[in-house]
Amino acid sequence: MNALESKQVCWTAVLEFVQRRGVDPTSVLTAGTQRWADLDDNDPDKLGAVLAAGVHHALRQDSAQAARAEASHAISASADWRQVSSEIRQRTDARRSGARIERREVV
């Protein structure tokens, strides 16, 4: 994967892939449980449970990505970031030039 390649997860694509293999993720054992572990490794239900877990994982990633995007938009809209940047730059320049001397608490 290169740096420009998308890392966006689409859980419905994973669900469709699993369903095309005849697995209903809502009706299989939960992967990792004792009942699942007791199944023979060649039992199709064992693989079906792992595929269903993949759907669940993709859904969690997709939801987390959507939440991060929503938070990013909220942060972006919460302030005039151009103005904030300008104020920080002006304060930094004033410190460097000696025009601004920080107050220090006397103890």
PDB file of N, CA and C in Angstrom:
ATOM      1  N   MET A   1       0.852  -1.174   0.000  1.00  0.00           N
ATOM      2  CA  MET A   1       0.000   0.000   0.000  1.00  0.00           C
ATOM      3  C   MET A   1       0.895   1.233   0.000  1.00  0.00           C
ATOM      4  N   ASN A   2       0.615   2.141  -0.906  1.00  0.00           N
ATOM      5  CA  ASN A   2       1.397   3.375  -0.921  1.00  0.00           C
ATOM      6  C   ASN A   2       0.698   4.434  -0.071  1.00  0.00           C
ATOM      7  N   ALA A   3       1.389   5.526   0.178  1.00  0.00           N
ATOM      8  CA  ALA A   3       0.890   6.570   1.073  1.00  0.00           C
ATOM      9  C   ALA A   3      -0.398   7.213   0.575  1.00  0.00           C
ATOM     10  N   LEU A   4      -0.631   7.205  -0.723  1.00  0.00           N
ATOM     11  CA  LEU A   4      -1.812   7.869  -1.271  1.00  0.00           C
ATOM     12  C   LEU A   4      -3.014   6.941  -1.413  1.00  0.00           C
ATOM     13  N   GLU A   5      -2.812   5.662  -1.168  1.00  0.00           N
ATOM     14  CA  GLU A   5      -3.900   4.702  -1.318  1.00  0.00           C
ATOM     15  C   GLU A   5      -4.924   4.885  -0.193  1.00  0.00           C
ATOM     16  N   SER A   6      -6.193   4.827  -0.545  1.00  0.00           N
ATOM     17  CA  SER A   6      -7.264   5.030   0.428  1.00  0.00           C
ATOM     18  C   SER A   6      -7.295   3.900   1.449  1.00  0.00           C
ATOM     19  N   LYS A   7      -7.559   4.272   2.693  1.00  0.00           N
ATOM     20  CA  LYS A   7      -7.711   3.290   3.764  1.00  0.00           C
ATOM     21  C   LYS A   7      -9.155   3.254   4.252  1.00  0.00           C
ATOM     22  N   GLN A   8     -10.045   3.890   3.493  1.00  0.00           N
ATOM     23  CA  GLN A   8     -11.449   3.922   3.870  1.00  0.00           C
ATOM     24  C   GLN A   8     -12.027   2.517   3.791  1.00  0.00           C
ATOM     25  N   VAL A   9     -12.783   2.142   4.812  1.00  0.00           N
ATOM     26  CA  VAL A   9     -13.393   0.817   4.884  1.00  0.00           C
ATOM     27  C   VAL A   9     -14.880   0.941   4.573  1.00  0.00           C
ATOM     28  N   CYS A  10     -15.363   0.075   3.692  1.00  0.00           N
ATOM     29  CA  CYS A  10     -16.790   0.020   3.368  1.00  0.00           C
ATOM     30  C   CYS A  10     -17.309  -1.333   3.850  1.00  0.00           C
ATOM     31  N   TRP A  11     -17.970  -1.334   4.988  1.00  0.00           N
ATOM     32  CA  TRP A  11     -18.381  -2.601   5.585  1.00  0.00           C
ATOM     33  C   TRP A  11     -19.399  -3.343   4.734  1.00  0.00           C
ATOM     34  N   THR A  12     -20.208  -2.614   3.952  1.00  0.00           N
ATOM     35  CA  THR A  12     -21.213  -3.303   3.138  1.00  0.00           C
ATOM     36  C   THR A  12     -20.559  -4.148   2.047  1.00  0.00           C
ATOM     37  N   ALA A  13     -19.395  -3.731   1.560  1.00  0.00           N
ATOM     38  CA  ALA A  13     -18.682  -4.547   0.569  1.00  0.00           C
ATOM     39  C   ALA A  13     -18.241  -5.864   1.196  1.00  0.00           C
ATOM     40  N   VAL A  14     -17.826  -5.814   2.462  1.00  0.00           N
ATOM     41  CA  VAL A  14     -17.421  -7.036   3.170  1.00  0.00           C
ATOM     42  C   VAL A  14     -18.644  -7.915   3.400  1.00  0.00           C
ATOM     43  N   LEU A  15     -19.751  -7.311   3.819  1.00  0.00           N
ATOM     44  CA  LEU A  15     -20.989  -8.062   4.038  1.00  0.00           C
ATOM     45  C   LEU A  15     -21.429  -8.769   2.758  1.00  0.00           C
ATOM     46  N   GLU A  16     -21.419  -8.051   1.645  1.00  0.00           N
ATOM     47  CA  GLU A  16     -21.834  -8.651   0.372  1.00  0.00           C
ATOM     48  C   GLU A  16     -20.918  -9.807  -0.022  1.00  0.00           C
ATOM     49  N   PHE A  17     -19.620  -9.657   0.193  1.00  0.00           N
ATOM     50  CA  PHE A  17     -18.663 -10.729  -0.103  1.00  0.00           C
ATOM     51  C   PHE A  17     -19.004 -11.974   0.712  1.00  0.00           C
ATOM     52  N   VAL A  18     -19.271 -11.779   2.003  1.00  0.00           N
ATOM     53  CA  VAL A  18     -19.578 -12.901   2.895  1.00  0.00           C
ATOM     54  C   VAL A  18     -20.910 -13.541   2.501  1.00  0.00           C
ATOM     55  N   GLN A  19     -21.905 -12.726   2.186  1.00  0.00           N
ATOM     56  CA  GLN A  19     -23.210 -13.264   1.795  1.00  0.00           C
ATOM     57  C   GLN A  19     -23.129 -14.051   0.492  1.00  0.00           C
ATOM     58  N   ARG A  20     -22.274 -13.613  -0.433  1.00  0.00           N
ATOM     59  CA  ARG A  20     -22.118 -14.362  -1.692  1.00  0.00           C
ATOM     60  C   ARG A  20     -21.547 -15.756  -1.442  1.00  0.00           C
ATOM     61  N   ARG A  21     -20.931 -15.952  -0.309  1.00  0.00           N
ATOM     62  CA  ARG A  21     -20.394 -17.259   0.051  1.00  0.00           C
ATOM     63  C   ARG A  21     -21.390 -18.064   0.881  1.00  0.00           C
ATOM     64  N   GLY A  22     -22.619 -17.568   0.949  1.00  0.00           N
ATOM     65  CA  GLY A  22     -23.692 -18.304   1.617  1.00  0.00           C
ATOM     66  C   GLY A  22     -23.689 -18.184   3.128  1.00  0.00           C
ATOM     67  N   VAL A  23     -23.023 -17.184   3.664  1.00  0.00           N
ATOM     68  CA  VAL A  23     -22.961 -17.014   5.116  1.00  0.00           C
ATOM     69  C   VAL A  23     -23.858 -15.852   5.522  1.00  0.00           C
ATOM     70  N   ASP A  24     -24.739 -16.112   6.492  1.00  0.00           N
ATOM     71  CA  ASP A  24     -25.555 -15.053   7.088  1.00  0.00           C
ATOM     72  C   ASP A  24     -24.897 -14.684   8.412  1.00  0.00           C
ATOM     73  N   PRO A  25     -24.228 -13.542   8.473  1.00  0.00           N
ATOM     74  CA  PRO A  25     -23.478 -13.179   9.675  1.00  0.00           C
ATOM     75  C   PRO A  25     -24.318 -13.079  10.946  1.00  0.00           C
ATOM     76  N   THR A  26     -25.644 -12.969  10.793  1.00  0.00           N
ATOM     77  CA  THR A  26     -26.502 -12.848  11.975  1.00  0.00           C
ATOM     78  C   THR A  26     -26.895 -14.198  12.551  1.00  0.00           C
ATOM     79  N   SER A  27     -26.543 -15.279  11.872  1.00  0.00           N
ATOM     80  CA  SER A  27     -27.030 -16.588  12.326  1.00  0.00           C
ATOM     81  C   SER A  27     -25.920 -17.617  12.517  1.00  0.00           C
ATOM     82  N   VAL A  28     -24.694 -17.165  12.700  1.00  0.00           N
ATOM     83  CA  VAL A  28     -23.589 -18.113  12.891  1.00  0.00           C
ATOM     84  C   VAL A  28     -23.055 -18.011  14.314  1.00  0.00           C
ATOM     85  N   LEU A  29     -22.267 -19.001  14.684  1.00  0.00           N
ATOM     86  CA  LEU A  29     -21.600 -18.962  15.985  1.00  0.00           C
ATOM     87  C   LEU A  29     -20.674 -17.755  16.051  1.00  0.00           C
ATOM     88  N   THR A  30     -20.356 -17.350  17.253  1.00  0.00           N
ATOM     89  CA  THR A  30     -19.385 -16.277  17.432  1.00  0.00           C
ATOM     90  C   THR A  30     -17.989 -16.886  17.419  1.00  0.00           C
ATOM     91  N   ALA A  31     -17.145 -16.392  16.528  1.00  0.00           N
ATOM     92  CA  ALA A  31     -15.777 -16.903  16.430  1.00  0.00           C
ATOM     93  C   ALA A  31     -15.053 -16.683  17.749  1.00  0.00           C
ATOM     94  N   GLY A  32     -14.306 -17.693  18.158  1.00  0.00           N
ATOM     95  CA  GLY A  32     -13.508 -17.595  19.372  1.00  0.00           C
ATOM     96  C   GLY A  32     -14.176 -18.170  20.603  1.00  0.00           C
ATOM     97  N   THR A  33     -15.481 -18.454  20.533  1.00  0.00           N
ATOM     98  CA  THR A  33     -16.158 -19.050  21.685  1.00  0.00           C
ATOM     99  C   THR A  33     -15.775 -20.521  21.784  1.00  0.00           C
ATOM    100  N   GLN A  34     -16.099 -21.131  22.908  1.00  0.00           N
ATOM    101  CA  GLN A  34     -15.753 -22.544  23.089  1.00  0.00           C
ATOM    102  C   GLN A  34     -16.498 -23.422  22.085  1.00  0.00           C
ATOM    103  N   ARG A  35     -17.781 -23.112  21.829  1.00  0.00           N
ATOM    104  CA  ARG A  35     -18.528 -23.905  20.828  1.00  0.00           C
ATOM    105  C   ARG A  35     -17.854 -23.823  19.470  1.00  0.00           C
ATOM    106  N   TRP A  36     -17.375 -22.650  19.106  1.00  0.00           N
ATOM    107  CA  TRP A  36     -16.669 -22.469  17.835  1.00  0.00           C
ATOM    108  C   TRP A  36     -15.371 -23.267  17.846  1.00  0.00           C
ATOM    109  N   ALA A  37     -14.616 -23.182  18.926  1.00  0.00           N
ATOM    110  CA  ALA A  37     -13.331 -23.885  19.017  1.00  0.00           C
ATOM    111  C   ALA A  37     -13.519 -25.398  18.951  1.00  0.00           C
ATOM    112  N   ASP A  38     -14.647 -25.881  19.463  1.00  0.00           N
ATOM    113  CA  ASP A  38     -14.909 -27.323  19.467  1.00  0.00           C
ATOM    114  C   ASP A  38     -15.259 -27.866  18.084  1.00  0.00           C
ATOM    115  N   LEU A  39     -15.621 -27.001  17.145  1.00  0.00           N
ATOM    116  CA  LEU A  39     -15.937 -27.459  15.790  1.00  0.00           C
ATOM    117  C   LEU A  39     -14.674 -27.983  15.109  1.00  0.00           C
ATOM    118  N   ASP A  40     -14.861 -28.938  14.232  1.00  0.00           N
ATOM    119  CA  ASP A  40     -13.750 -29.424  13.411  1.00  0.00           C
ATOM    120  C   ASP A  40     -13.285 -28.286  12.503  1.00  0.00           C
ATOM    121  N   ASP A  41     -11.991 -28.220  12.272  1.00  0.00           N
ATOM    122  CA  ASP A  41     -11.456 -27.143  11.432  1.00  0.00           C
ATOM    123  C   ASP A  41     -12.033 -27.146  10.022  1.00  0.00           C
ATOM    124  N   ASN A  42     -12.544 -28.270   9.568  1.00  0.00           N
ATOM    125  CA  ASN A  42     -13.128 -28.353   8.228  1.00  0.00           C
ATOM    126  C   ASN A  42     -14.633 -28.070   8.215  1.00  0.00           C
ATOM    127  N   ASP A  43     -15.204 -27.804   9.369  1.00  0.00           N
ATOM    128  CA  ASP A  43     -16.634 -27.503   9.454  1.00  0.00           C
ATOM    129  C   ASP A  43     -16.879 -26.129   8.827  1.00  0.00           C
ATOM    130  N   PRO A  44     -17.787 -26.041   7.850  1.00  0.00           N
ATOM    131  CA  PRO A  44     -18.041 -24.754   7.197  1.00  0.00           C
ATOM    132  C   PRO A  44     -18.548 -23.683   8.166  1.00  0.00           C
ATOM    133  N   ASP A  45     -19.194 -24.094   9.258  1.00  0.00           N
ATOM    134  CA  ASP A  45     -19.672 -23.117  10.239  1.00  0.00           C
ATOM    135  C   ASP A  45     -18.514 -22.406  10.942  1.00  0.00           C
ATOM    136  N   LYS A  46     -17.376 -23.090  11.045  1.00  0.00           N
ATOM    137  CA  LYS A  46     -16.214 -22.473  11.690  1.00  0.00           C
ATOM    138  C   LYS A  46     -15.692 -21.323  10.824  1.00  0.00           C
ATOM    139  N   LEU A  47     -15.563 -21.577   9.535  1.00  0.00           N
ATOM    140  CA  LEU A  47     -15.119 -20.521   8.625  1.00  0.00           C
ATOM    141  C   LEU A  47     -16.182 -19.426   8.518  1.00  0.00           C
ATOM    142  N   GLY A  48     -17.450 -19.826   8.509  1.00  0.00           N
ATOM    143  CA  GLY A  48     -18.535 -18.846   8.444  1.00  0.00           C
ATOM    144  C   GLY A  48     -18.493 -17.878   9.617  1.00  0.00           C
ATOM    145  N   ALA A  49     -18.170 -18.395  10.791  1.00  0.00           N
ATOM    146  CA  ALA A  49     -18.069 -17.539  11.974  1.00  0.00           C
ATOM    147  C   ALA A  49     -16.923 -16.543  11.835  1.00  0.00           C
ATOM    148  N   VAL A  50     -15.813 -16.984  11.259  1.00  0.00           N
ATOM    149  CA  VAL A  50     -14.674 -16.077  11.053  1.00  0.00           C
ATOM    150  C   VAL A  50     -15.035 -15.014  10.018  1.00  0.00           C
ATOM    151  N   LEU A  51     -15.725 -15.406   8.964  1.00  0.00           N
ATOM    152  CA  LEU A  51     -16.163 -14.429   7.962  1.00  0.00           C
ATOM    153  C   LEU A  51     -17.130 -13.416   8.580  1.00  0.00           C
ATOM    154  N   ALA A  52     -18.035 -13.892   9.429  1.00  0.00           N
ATOM    155  CA  ALA A  52     -18.974 -12.986  10.100  1.00  0.00           C
ATOM    156  C   ALA A  52     -18.224 -12.024  11.021  1.00  0.00           C
ATOM    157  N   ALA A  53     -17.186 -12.504  11.673  1.00  0.00           N
ATOM    158  CA  ALA A  53     -16.369 -11.626  12.525  1.00  0.00           C
ATOM    159  C   ALA A  53     -15.697 -10.548  11.679  1.00  0.00           C
ATOM    160  N   GLY A  54     -15.324 -10.902  10.459  1.00  0.00           N
ATOM    161  CA  GLY A  54     -14.743  -9.914   9.550  1.00  0.00           C
ATOM    162  C   GLY A  54     -15.740  -8.824   9.194  1.00  0.00           C
ATOM    163  N   VAL A  55     -16.998  -9.206   9.021  1.00  0.00           N
ATOM    164  CA  VAL A  55     -18.049  -8.214   8.746  1.00  0.00           C
ATOM    165  C   VAL A  55     -18.172  -7.270   9.944  1.00  0.00           C
ATOM    166  N   HIS A  56     -18.194  -7.851  11.135  1.00  0.00           N
ATOM    167  CA  HIS A  56     -18.309  -7.045  12.354  1.00  0.00           C
ATOM    168  C   HIS A  56     -17.133  -6.075  12.479  1.00  0.00           C
ATOM    169  N   HIS A  57     -15.938  -6.567  12.219  1.00  0.00           N
ATOM    170  CA  HIS A  57     -14.742  -5.714  12.310  1.00  0.00           C
ATOM    171  C   HIS A  57     -14.805  -4.578  11.284  1.00  0.00           C
ATOM    172  N   ALA A  58     -15.206  -4.900  10.068  1.00  0.00           N
ATOM    173  CA  ALA A  58     -15.309  -3.867   9.028  1.00  0.00           C
ATOM    174  C   ALA A  58     -16.360  -2.823   9.402  1.00  0.00           C
ATOM    175  N   LEU A  59     -17.472  -3.264   9.990  1.00  0.00           N
ATOM    176  CA  LEU A  59     -18.512  -2.328  10.429  1.00  0.00           C
ATOM    177  C   LEU A  59     -17.971  -1.390  11.503  1.00  0.00           C
ATOM    178  N   ARG A  60     -17.213  -1.939  12.446  1.00  0.00           N
ATOM    179  CA  ARG A  60     -16.622  -1.099  13.506  1.00  0.00           C
ATOM    180  C   ARG A  60     -15.651  -0.080  12.911  1.00  0.00           C
ATOM    181  N   GLN A  61     -14.824  -0.515  11.964  1.00  0.00           N
ATOM    182  CA  GLN A  61     -13.880   0.412  11.333  1.00  0.00           C
ATOM    183  C   GLN A  61     -14.617   1.499  10.555  1.00  0.00           C
ATOM    184  N   ASP A  62     -15.609   1.102   9.789  1.00  0.00           N
ATOM    185  CA  ASP A  62     -16.398   2.050   8.999  1.00  0.00           C
ATOM    186  C   ASP A  62     -17.053   3.078   9.919  1.00  0.00           C
ATOM    187  N   SER A  63     -17.660   2.609  11.009  1.00  0.00           N
ATOM    188  CA  SER A  63     -18.323   3.513  11.956  1.00  0.00           C
ATOM    189  C   SER A  63     -17.325   4.460  12.614  1.00  0.00           C
ATOM    190  N   ALA A  64     -16.162   3.943  12.975  1.00  0.00           N
ATOM    191  CA  ALA A  64     -15.135   4.780  13.604  1.00  0.00           C
ATOM    192  C   ALA A  64     -14.633   5.839  12.628  1.00  0.00           C
ATOM    193  N   GLN A  65     -14.461   5.460  11.368  1.00  0.00           N
ATOM    194  CA  GLN A  65     -14.020   6.429  10.361  1.00  0.00           C
ATOM    195  C   GLN A  65     -15.059   7.531  10.190  1.00  0.00           C
ATOM    196  N   ALA A  66     -16.320   7.153  10.168  1.00  0.00           N
ATOM    197  CA  ALA A  66     -17.391   8.149  10.023  1.00  0.00           C
ATOM    198  C   ALA A  66     -17.410   9.085  11.229  1.00  0.00           C
ATOM    199  N   ALA A  67     -17.218   8.536  12.423  1.00  0.00           N
ATOM    200  CA  ALA A  67     -17.207   9.367  13.633  1.00  0.00           C
ATOM    201  C   ALA A  67     -16.026  10.332  13.622  1.00  0.00           C
ATOM    202  N   ARG A  68     -14.852   9.856  13.183  1.00  0.00           N
ATOM    203  CA  ARG A  68     -13.679  10.741  13.115  1.00  0.00           C
ATOM    204  C   ARG A  68     -13.907  11.859  12.099  1.00  0.00           C
ATOM    205  N   ALA A  69     -14.519  11.535  10.970  1.00  0.00           N
ATOM    206  CA  ALA A  69     -14.795  12.561   9.956  1.00  0.00           C
ATOM    207  C   ALA A  69     -15.774  13.596  10.500  1.00  0.00           C
ATOM    208  N   GLU A  70     -16.801  13.133  11.200  1.00  0.00           N
ATOM    209  CA  GLU A  70     -17.789  14.046  11.780  1.00  0.00           C
ATOM    210  C   GLU A  70     -17.127  14.952  12.822  1.00  0.00           C
ATOM    211  N   ALA A  71     -16.276  14.379  13.664  1.00  0.00           N
ATOM    212  CA  ALA A  71     -15.565  15.175  14.673  1.00  0.00           C
ATOM    213  C   ALA A  71     -14.649  16.193  14.010  1.00  0.00           C
ATOM    214  N   SER A  72     -13.995  15.787  12.942  1.00  0.00           N
ATOM    215  CA  SER A  72     -13.103  16.685  12.214  1.00  0.00           C
ATOM    216  C   SER A  72     -13.868  17.888  11.669  1.00  0.00           C
ATOM    217  N   HIS A  73     -15.048  17.639  11.127  1.00  0.00           N
ATOM    218  CA  HIS A  73     -15.869  18.735  10.601  1.00  0.00           C
ATOM    219  C   HIS A  73     -16.325  19.661  11.729  1.00  0.00           C
ATOM    220  N   ALA A  74     -16.675  19.074  12.869  1.00  0.00           N
ATOM    221  CA  ALA A  74     -17.113  19.886  14.008  1.00  0.00           C
ATOM    222  C   ALA A  74     -15.971  20.764  14.519  1.00  0.00           C
ATOM    223  N   ILE A  75     -14.774  20.199  14.608  1.00  0.00           N
ATOM    224  CA  ILE A  75     -13.611  20.977  15.054  1.00  0.00           C
ATOM    225  C   ILE A  75     -13.311  22.084  14.056  1.00  0.00           C
ATOM    226  N   SER A  76     -13.369  21.748  12.792  1.00  0.00           N
ATOM    227  CA  SER A  76     -13.092  22.734  11.747  1.00  0.00           C
ATOM    228  C   SER A  76     -14.049  23.920  11.823  1.00  0.00           C
ATOM    229  N   ALA A  77     -15.294  23.646  12.148  1.00  0.00           N
ATOM    230  CA  ALA A  77     -16.304  24.700  12.194  1.00  0.00           C
ATOM    231  C   ALA A  77     -16.341  25.439  13.531  1.00  0.00           C
ATOM    232  N   SER A  78     -15.590  24.959  14.519  1.00  0.00           N
ATOM    233  CA  SER A  78     -15.701  25.514  15.869  1.00  0.00           C
ATOM    234  C   SER A  78     -14.945  26.817  16.084  1.00  0.00           C
ATOM    235  N   ALA A  79     -14.054  27.177  15.171  1.00  0.00           N
ATOM    236  CA  ALA A  79     -13.268  28.406  15.348  1.00  0.00           C
ATOM    237  C   ALA A  79     -12.831  28.934  13.992  1.00  0.00           C
ATOM    238  N   ASP A  80     -12.406  30.180  14.004  1.00  0.00           N
ATOM    239  CA  ASP A  80     -11.811  30.770  12.809  1.00  0.00           C
ATOM    240  C   ASP A  80     -10.326  30.428  12.870  1.00  0.00           C
ATOM    241  N   TRP A  81      -9.963  29.287  12.296  1.00  0.00           N
ATOM    242  CA  TRP A  81      -8.605  28.767  12.437  1.00  0.00           C
ATOM    243  C   TRP A  81      -7.570  29.653  11.753  1.00  0.00           C
ATOM    244  N   ARG A  82      -7.957  30.378  10.733  1.00  0.00           N
ATOM    245  CA  ARG A  82      -7.037  31.329  10.099  1.00  0.00           C
ATOM    246  C   ARG A  82      -6.681  32.430  11.102  1.00  0.00           C
ATOM    247  N   GLN A  83      -7.682  32.905  11.832  1.00  0.00           N
ATOM    248  CA  GLN A  83      -7.454  33.937  12.851  1.00  0.00           C
ATOM    249  C   GLN A  83      -6.611  33.382  13.999  1.00  0.00           C
ATOM    250  N   VAL A  84      -6.904  32.176  14.440  1.00  0.00           N
ATOM    251  CA  VAL A  84      -6.118  31.550  15.510  1.00  0.00           C
ATOM    252  C   VAL A  84      -4.660  31.447  15.093  1.00  0.00           C
ATOM    253  N   SER A  85      -4.422  30.997  13.879  1.00  0.00           N
ATOM    254  CA  SER A  85      -3.056  30.880  13.361  1.00  0.00           C
ATOM    255  C   SER A  85      -2.360  32.234  13.330  1.00  0.00           C
ATOM    256  N   SER A  86      -3.072  33.245  12.895  1.00  0.00           N
ATOM    257  CA  SER A  86      -2.509  34.596  12.823  1.00  0.00           C
ATOM    258  C   SER A  86      -2.123  35.094  14.214  1.00  0.00           C
ATOM    259  N   GLU A  87      -2.987  34.872  15.196  1.00  0.00           N
ATOM    260  CA  GLU A  87      -2.698  35.304  16.568  1.00  0.00           C
ATOM    261  C   GLU A  87      -1.476  34.582  17.132  1.00  0.00           C
ATOM    262  N   ILE A  88      -1.381  33.295  16.892  1.00  0.00           N
ATOM    263  CA  ILE A  88      -0.225  32.524  17.370  1.00  0.00           C
ATOM    264  C   ILE A  88       1.050  33.034  16.711  1.00  0.00           C
ATOM    265  N   ARG A  89       0.977  33.259  15.416  1.00  0.00           N
ATOM    266  CA  ARG A  89       2.150  33.749  14.682  1.00  0.00           C
ATOM    267  C   ARG A  89       2.577  35.123  15.204  1.00  0.00           C
ATOM    268  N   GLN A  90       1.609  36.022  15.419  1.00  0.00           N
ATOM    269  CA  GLN A  90       1.924  37.363  15.927  1.00  0.00           C
ATOM    270  C   GLN A  90       2.551  37.292  17.320  1.00  0.00           C
ATOM    271  N   ARG A  91       2.005  36.455  18.184  1.00  0.00           N
ATOM    272  CA  ARG A  91       2.537  36.311  19.535  1.00  0.00           C
ATOM    273  C   ARG A  91       3.953  35.739  19.505  1.00  0.00           C
ATOM    274  N   THR A  92       4.173  34.744  18.661  1.00  0.00           N
ATOM    275  CA  THR A  92       5.506  34.149  18.528  1.00  0.00           C
ATOM    276  C   THR A  92       6.506  35.174  18.009  1.00  0.00           C
ATOM    277  N   ASP A  93       6.109  35.923  16.998  1.00  0.00           N
ATOM    278  CA  ASP A  93       6.997  36.964  16.453  1.00  0.00           C
ATOM    279  C   ASP A  93       7.305  38.022  17.509  1.00  0.00           C
ATOM    280  N   ALA A  94       6.305  38.398  18.310  1.00  0.00           N
ATOM    281  CA  ALA A  94       6.508  39.406  19.353  1.00  0.00           C
ATOM    282  C   ALA A  94       7.469  38.898  20.425  1.00  0.00           C
ATOM    283  N   ARG A  95       7.372  37.630  20.779  1.00  0.00           N
ATOM    284  CA  ARG A  95       8.309  37.059  21.759  1.00  0.00           C
ATOM    285  C   ARG A  95       9.730  37.075  21.217  1.00  0.00           C
ATOM    286  N   ARG A  96       9.865  36.644  19.974  1.00  0.00           N
ATOM    287  CA  ARG A  96      11.204  36.577  19.366  1.00  0.00           C
ATOM    288  C   ARG A  96      11.854  37.956  19.252  1.00  0.00           C
ATOM    289  N   SER A  97      11.046  38.948  18.949  1.00  0.00           N
ATOM    290  CA  SER A  97      11.595  40.300  18.758  1.00  0.00           C
ATOM    291  C   SER A  97      11.804  41.030  20.084  1.00  0.00           C
ATOM    292  N   GLY A  98      11.250  40.499  21.154  1.00  0.00           N
ATOM    293  CA  GLY A  98      11.353  41.166  22.450  1.00  0.00           C
ATOM    294  C   GLY A  98      10.236  42.155  22.696  1.00  0.00           C
ATOM    295  N   ALA A  99       9.337  42.319  21.751  1.00  0.00           N
ATOM    296  CA  ALA A  99       8.213  43.242  21.920  1.00  0.00           C
ATOM    297  C   ALA A  99       7.217  42.722  22.954  1.00  0.00           C
ATOM    298  N   ARG A 100       7.224  41.434  23.192  1.00  0.00           N
ATOM    299  CA  ARG A 100       6.330  40.851  24.199  1.00  0.00           C
ATOM    300  C   ARG A 100       7.199  40.109  25.202  1.00  0.00           C
ATOM    301  N   ILE A 101       7.020  40.462  26.445  1.00  0.00           N
ATOM    302  CA  ILE A 101       7.747  39.788  27.518  1.00  0.00           C
ATOM    303  C   ILE A 101       6.704  39.096  28.381  1.00  0.00           C
ATOM    304  N   GLU A 102       6.853  37.806  28.507  1.00  0.00           N
ATOM    305  CA  GLU A 102       5.889  37.020  29.275  1.00  0.00           C
ATOM    306  C   GLU A 102       5.988  37.368  30.755  1.00  0.00           C
ATOM    307  N   ARG A 103       4.856  37.432  31.403  1.00  0.00           N
ATOM    308  CA  ARG A 103       4.829  37.640  32.850  1.00  0.00           C
ATOM    309  C   ARG A 103       5.148  36.320  33.524  1.00  0.00           C
ATOM    310  N   ARG A 104       5.869  36.421  34.613  1.00  0.00           N
ATOM    311  CA  ARG A 104       6.179  35.226  35.393  1.00  0.00           C
ATOM    312  C   ARG A 104       5.651  35.431  36.799  1.00  0.00           C
ATOM    313  N   GLU A 105       5.140  34.368  37.354  1.00  0.00           N
ATOM    314  CA  GLU A 105       4.617  34.428  38.709  1.00  0.00           C
ATOM    315  C   GLU A 105       5.787  34.497  39.683  1.00  0.00           C
ATOM    316  N   VAL A 106       5.710  35.418  40.609  1.00  0.00           N
ATOM    317  CA  VAL A 106       6.753  35.552  41.629  1.00  0.00           C
ATOM    318  C   VAL A 106       6.372  34.666  42.795  1.00  0.00           C
ATOM    319  N   VAL A 107       7.307  33.819  43.165  1.00  0.00           N
ATOM    320  CA  VAL A 107       7.024  32.882  44.261  1.00  0.00           C
ATOM    321  C   VAL A 107       7.785  33.274  45.490  1.00  0.00           C
TER     322      VAL A 107
END
